[in-house]
Amino acid sequence: MAKISVAQLGRIVGASAQTVNKALCEMGFLSGVPGNYTITEIGRKFSVREFSIEERHLENTIKWDREVAGLVRITIQRMEAKKKTSQNTLR
């Protein structure tokens, strides 16, 4: 099964890579903060960490099963609904 980057997942679901990472954290697949994410035990079932050398620097990228896109889309929708609800409560 081919793995894809967070940016590619974002293109599939119509969201930024940052939003996809937030959704993956919300889902329990990632933990941490931007630039320093760790794959959780659950996330390991759907991902792999790839390493490459770019301009003499070691780069690492987390690649995800394409099938995660559906779960990410639903999670983003829930996050947006929750945000709207909390904004309406503050008015």
Protein backbone atom coordinates (compact mmCIF):
# COMPACT_ATOMS: atom_id res chain seq x y z
CA MET A 1 0.00 0.00 0.00
CA ALA A 2 1.47 3.34 -1.07
CA LYS A 3 2.03 5.95 1.62
CA ILE A 4 1.48 9.67 1.09
CA SER A 5 2.62 12.84 2.83
CA VAL A 6 0.52 15.12 5.01
CA ALA A 7 0.52 17.69 2.19
CA GLN A 8 -0.88 15.07 -0.19
CA LEU A 9 -3.51 14.10 2.38
CA GLY A 10 -4.39 17.78 2.62
CA ARG A 11 -4.92 18.03 -1.12
CA ILE A 12 -7.25 15.02 -0.99
CA VAL A 13 -9.38 16.44 1.83
CA GLY A 14 -9.10 20.11 0.83
CA ALA A 15 -7.15 21.28 3.88
CA SER A 16 -3.69 22.58 4.72
CA ALA A 17 -0.96 20.26 6.00
CA GLN A 18 -1.17 22.10 9.34
CA THR A 19 -4.90 21.33 9.63
CA VAL A 20 -4.28 17.69 8.68
CA ASN A 21 -1.62 17.41 11.39
CA LYS A 22 -4.06 18.88 13.94
CA ALA A 23 -6.64 16.32 12.86
CA LEU A 24 -4.10 13.49 13.14
CA CYS A 25 -3.34 14.67 16.70
CA GLU A 26 -7.07 14.86 17.49
CA MET A 27 -7.44 11.30 16.17
CA GLY A 28 -4.61 10.10 18.42
CA PHE A 29 -2.34 9.21 15.48
CA LEU A 30 0.23 11.92 16.31
CA SER A 31 1.35 13.71 19.44
CA GLY A 32 3.55 16.75 19.85
CA VAL A 33 3.73 20.19 18.30
CA PRO A 34 4.39 21.50 14.79
CA GLY A 35 7.91 20.57 13.75
CA ASN A 36 8.21 17.96 16.48
CA TYR A 37 5.52 15.32 16.02
CA THR A 38 5.75 11.76 17.29
CA ILE A 39 3.78 8.91 15.79
CA THR A 40 1.64 7.25 18.46
CA GLU A 41 1.12 3.51 18.84
CA ILE A 42 -2.18 3.80 16.95
CA GLY A 43 -0.57 5.98 14.28
CA ARG A 44 2.16 3.41 13.62
CA LYS A 45 -0.46 1.08 12.18
CA PHE A 46 -1.16 3.61 9.41
CA SER A 47 2.19 5.31 8.80
CA VAL A 48 5.93 5.04 8.28
CA ARG A 49 8.72 7.53 8.92
CA GLU A 50 10.97 8.06 5.91
CA PHE A 51 14.46 9.55 6.08
CA SER A 52 16.36 11.32 3.30
CA ILE A 53 19.35 13.60 2.96
CA GLU A 54 18.52 17.03 1.56
CA GLU A 55 21.40 19.47 1.06
CA ARG A 56 23.51 17.61 3.64
CA HIS A 57 20.70 17.67 6.23
CA LEU A 58 18.82 14.63 7.41
CA GLU A 59 15.12 15.11 6.70
CA ASN A 60 12.39 12.89 8.04
CA THR A 61 8.85 12.72 6.80
CA ILE A 62 5.88 10.79 8.09
CA LYS A 63 3.96 9.08 5.29
CA TRP A 64 0.39 7.87 5.79
CA ASP A 65 -1.87 5.24 4.28
CA ARG A 66 -4.10 6.92 1.70
CA GLU A 67 -7.12 5.34 3.42
CA VAL A 68 -6.58 7.67 6.41
CA ALA A 69 -7.96 10.53 4.27
CA GLY A 70 -11.59 9.65 5.03
CA LEU A 71 -10.98 9.69 8.78
CA VAL A 72 -9.05 12.94 8.50
CA ARG A 73 -11.89 14.56 6.53
CA ILE A 74 -14.46 13.55 9.17
CA THR A 75 -12.22 14.73 12.01
CA ILE A 76 -11.66 18.11 10.34
CA GLN A 77 -15.42 18.51 9.89
CA ARG A 78 -15.94 17.75 13.59
CA MET A 79 -13.19 20.19 14.58
CA GLU A 80 -14.79 22.93 12.45
CA ALA A 81 -18.25 22.24 13.87
CA LYS A 82 -16.86 22.35 17.41
CA LYS A 83 -15.14 25.66 16.64
CA LYS A 84 -18.36 27.17 15.25
CA THR A 85 -20.31 25.99 18.28
CA SER A 86 -17.82 27.56 20.69
CA GLN A 87 -17.82 30.82 18.68
CA ASN A 88 -21.62 30.96 18.81
CA THR A 89 -21.53 30.35 22.56
CA LEU A 90 -19.23 33.35 23.05
CA ARG A 91 -21.64 35.74 21.27
